[in-house]
Amino acid sequence: MDTVVSTETADILLVEDQPHDAELALRALKKLDLDERIALVRDGAAALDFLFGRGEYAGRALADAPRLILLDLKLPKVSGIEVLRTLKSDERTRHIPVIVLTSSGEACDVEACYDLGVNSYVVKPVDFAQFTETVQQIGTYWLGTNEPPC
């Protein structure tokens, strides 16, 4: 796993298999000083292991759940849709905001994600400046403006 910070705690879990997109997202969040507690995983299986404290993350306290998950859909091992389905169907993780950040704008993907309880669906802008601004807006809203559940 590539971890930007501790594997024990993270405010943001970035689930992204494309190195370029992951780097852009990390840079965008760094500009807002939101990069100090980000965990980066490269596939859906690692995301589930991180969130449920299994595999290489065995022993990680589930109470230290991230405050936000940025989830790509096209992932190796376990798809983003399956990760979302698992998270939103489990009492321990269903309250964590999940933002799908993907290149797919297909209506069937959008509908499937909202049916599963995604909090927001964002198609990755191709333009670097727009991508940066989009990621910053997501981070600012979900970690600064939004009131999380108690």
Protein backbone atom coordinates (compact mmCIF):
# COMPACT_ATOMS: atom_id res chain seq x y z
CA MET A 1 0.00 0.00 0.00
CA ASP A 2 1.10 3.56 -0.59
CA THR A 3 0.33 5.50 2.52
CA VAL A 4 0.78 9.23 2.63
CA VAL A 5 0.48 9.19 6.40
CA SER A 6 -0.17 6.70 9.16
CA THR A 7 -2.05 3.51 8.38
CA GLU A 8 -3.69 3.86 11.77
CA THR A 9 -5.64 7.07 11.28
CA ALA A 10 -6.77 9.08 8.28
CA ASP A 11 -9.25 11.86 7.73
CA ILE A 12 -9.41 10.94 4.04
CA LEU A 13 -9.12 7.53 2.44
CA LEU A 14 -8.20 7.97 -1.23
CA VAL A 15 -8.93 4.83 -3.22
CA GLU A 16 -7.25 5.34 -6.60
CA ASP A 17 -5.28 2.93 -8.77
CA GLN A 18 -4.03 5.49 -11.31
CA PRO A 19 -0.79 7.05 -10.00
CA HIS A 20 -1.28 10.29 -11.95
CA ASP A 21 -4.81 10.85 -10.61
CA ALA A 22 -3.72 9.99 -7.08
CA GLU A 23 -0.83 12.46 -7.28
CA LEU A 24 -3.10 15.22 -8.60
CA ALA A 25 -5.63 14.64 -5.82
CA LEU A 26 -2.91 14.67 -3.17
CA ARG A 27 -1.45 17.90 -4.54
CA ALA A 28 -4.87 19.55 -4.59
CA LEU A 29 -5.52 18.59 -0.97
CA LYS A 30 -2.05 19.70 0.09
CA LYS A 31 -2.83 23.22 -1.13
CA LEU A 32 -5.60 23.29 1.48
CA ASP A 33 -3.45 21.71 4.21
CA LEU A 34 -5.70 18.64 4.10
CA ASP A 35 -2.89 16.28 3.17
CA GLU A 36 -1.54 15.43 6.61
CA ARG A 37 -3.92 12.58 7.34
CA ILE A 38 -4.59 10.88 4.04
CA ALA A 39 -4.29 7.19 3.42
CA LEU A 40 -3.91 6.08 -0.19
CA VAL A 41 -4.78 2.58 -1.32
CA ARG A 42 -4.56 1.32 -4.89
CA ASP A 43 -7.34 -1.28 -5.07
CA GLY A 44 -10.74 -2.12 -3.68
CA ALA A 45 -9.56 -5.05 -1.58
CA ALA A 46 -7.01 -2.83 0.20
CA ALA A 47 -9.73 -0.23 0.82
CA LEU A 48 -11.95 -2.80 2.52
CA ASP A 49 -9.01 -4.18 4.51
CA PHE A 50 -8.14 -0.67 5.69
CA LEU A 51 -11.72 0.17 6.67
CA PHE A 52 -12.42 -3.11 8.44
CA GLY A 53 -8.98 -3.61 10.02
CA ARG A 54 -8.07 -6.81 8.19
CA GLY A 55 -5.10 -8.16 6.29
CA GLU A 56 -2.13 -5.81 6.46
CA TYR A 57 -4.29 -3.44 8.51
CA ALA A 58 -5.23 -6.02 11.16
CA GLY A 59 -5.34 -4.29 14.50
CA ARG A 60 -6.24 -0.86 13.08
CA ALA A 61 -8.97 0.57 15.30
CA LEU A 62 -12.27 0.69 13.45
CA ALA A 63 -13.22 3.69 15.58
CA ASP A 64 -10.53 5.61 13.65
CA ALA A 65 -12.65 5.59 10.51
CA PRO A 66 -11.84 8.23 7.91
CA ARG A 67 -14.10 11.25 7.75
CA LEU A 68 -14.28 11.00 3.96
CA ILE A 69 -13.67 8.39 1.27
CA LEU A 70 -12.75 9.39 -2.27
CA LEU A 71 -13.49 6.29 -4.33
CA ASP A 72 -12.66 5.49 -7.93
CA LEU A 73 -14.96 2.95 -9.62
CA LYS A 74 -12.56 1.16 -11.94
CA LEU A 75 -10.34 -0.61 -9.43
CA PRO A 76 -8.36 -3.85 -9.45
CA LYS A 77 -9.33 -6.80 -7.23
CA VAL A 78 -12.64 -5.38 -5.95
CA SER A 79 -14.57 -2.80 -7.97
CA GLY A 80 -15.55 0.57 -6.56
CA ILE A 81 -19.21 -0.45 -6.82
CA GLU A 82 -18.54 -3.49 -4.62
CA VAL A 83 -16.58 -1.38 -2.13
CA LEU A 84 -19.49 1.07 -1.97
CA ARG A 85 -22.02 -1.76 -1.58
CA THR A 86 -20.02 -3.24 1.31
CA LEU A 87 -19.53 0.10 3.07
CA LYS A 88 -23.11 1.25 2.86
CA SER A 89 -24.50 -2.11 3.99
CA ASP A 90 -22.40 -2.30 7.15
CA GLU A 91 -23.48 -0.49 10.32
CA ARG A 92 -19.88 0.40 11.17
CA THR A 93 -19.18 2.22 7.91
CA ARG A 94 -22.46 3.30 6.33
CA HIS A 95 -22.28 6.79 7.83
CA ILE A 96 -18.86 7.62 6.29
CA PRO A 97 -19.34 10.01 3.37
CA VAL A 98 -18.29 8.35 0.13
CA ILE A 99 -17.59 10.49 -2.91
CA VAL A 100 -17.18 8.60 -6.14
CA LEU A 101 -14.47 10.39 -8.12
CA THR A 102 -14.24 8.58 -11.43
CA SER A 103 -13.76 8.97 -15.15
CA SER A 104 -17.05 7.19 -15.85
CA GLY A 105 -20.02 9.40 -16.56
CA GLU A 106 -22.16 6.49 -17.69
CA ALA A 107 -25.74 6.79 -16.47
CA CYS A 108 -25.80 3.17 -15.27
CA ASP A 109 -22.77 3.79 -13.01
CA VAL A 110 -24.25 7.01 -11.63
CA GLU A 111 -27.59 5.33 -10.92
CA ALA A 112 -26.00 2.24 -9.36
CA CYS A 113 -23.90 4.38 -7.02
CA TYR A 114 -26.83 6.50 -5.86
CA ASP A 115 -28.94 3.35 -5.40
CA LEU A 116 -26.20 2.05 -3.08
CA GLY A 117 -26.11 5.27 -1.05
CA VAL A 118 -23.15 7.25 -2.41
CA ASN A 119 -23.05 10.78 -1.02
CA SER A 120 -21.86 12.36 -4.25
CA TYR A 121 -20.82 11.27 -7.74
CA VAL A 122 -18.19 13.37 -9.50
CA VAL A 123 -16.76 12.78 -12.96
CA LYS A 124 -13.05 13.61 -12.94
CA PRO A 125 -12.37 16.70 -15.00
CA VAL A 126 -9.68 16.11 -17.63
CA ASP A 127 -8.21 19.59 -17.24
CA PHE A 128 -5.58 19.81 -14.47
CA ALA A 129 -6.86 23.12 -13.06
CA GLN A 130 -10.47 21.91 -13.03
CA PHE A 131 -9.47 18.61 -11.44
CA THR A 132 -7.54 20.47 -8.72
CA GLU A 133 -10.45 22.83 -8.06
CA THR A 134 -12.95 19.96 -7.94
CA VAL A 135 -10.90 17.97 -5.41
CA GLN A 136 -10.38 21.08 -3.30
CA GLN A 137 -14.11 21.84 -3.30
CA ILE A 138 -14.86 18.28 -2.22
CA GLY A 139 -12.31 18.43 0.61
CA THR A 140 -13.43 21.87 1.77
CA TYR A 141 -17.09 20.94 1.84
CA TRP A 142 -16.89 17.47 3.38
CA LEU A 143 -14.18 18.23 5.94
CA GLY A 144 -14.97 21.88 6.66
CA THR A 145 -18.60 22.73 5.97
CA ASN A 146 -20.49 19.45 6.33
CA GLU A 147 -21.69 18.41 9.80
CA PRO A 148 -20.93 14.71 10.30
CA PRO A 149 -23.26 12.45 12.27
CA CYS A 150 -22.59 12.09 16.01
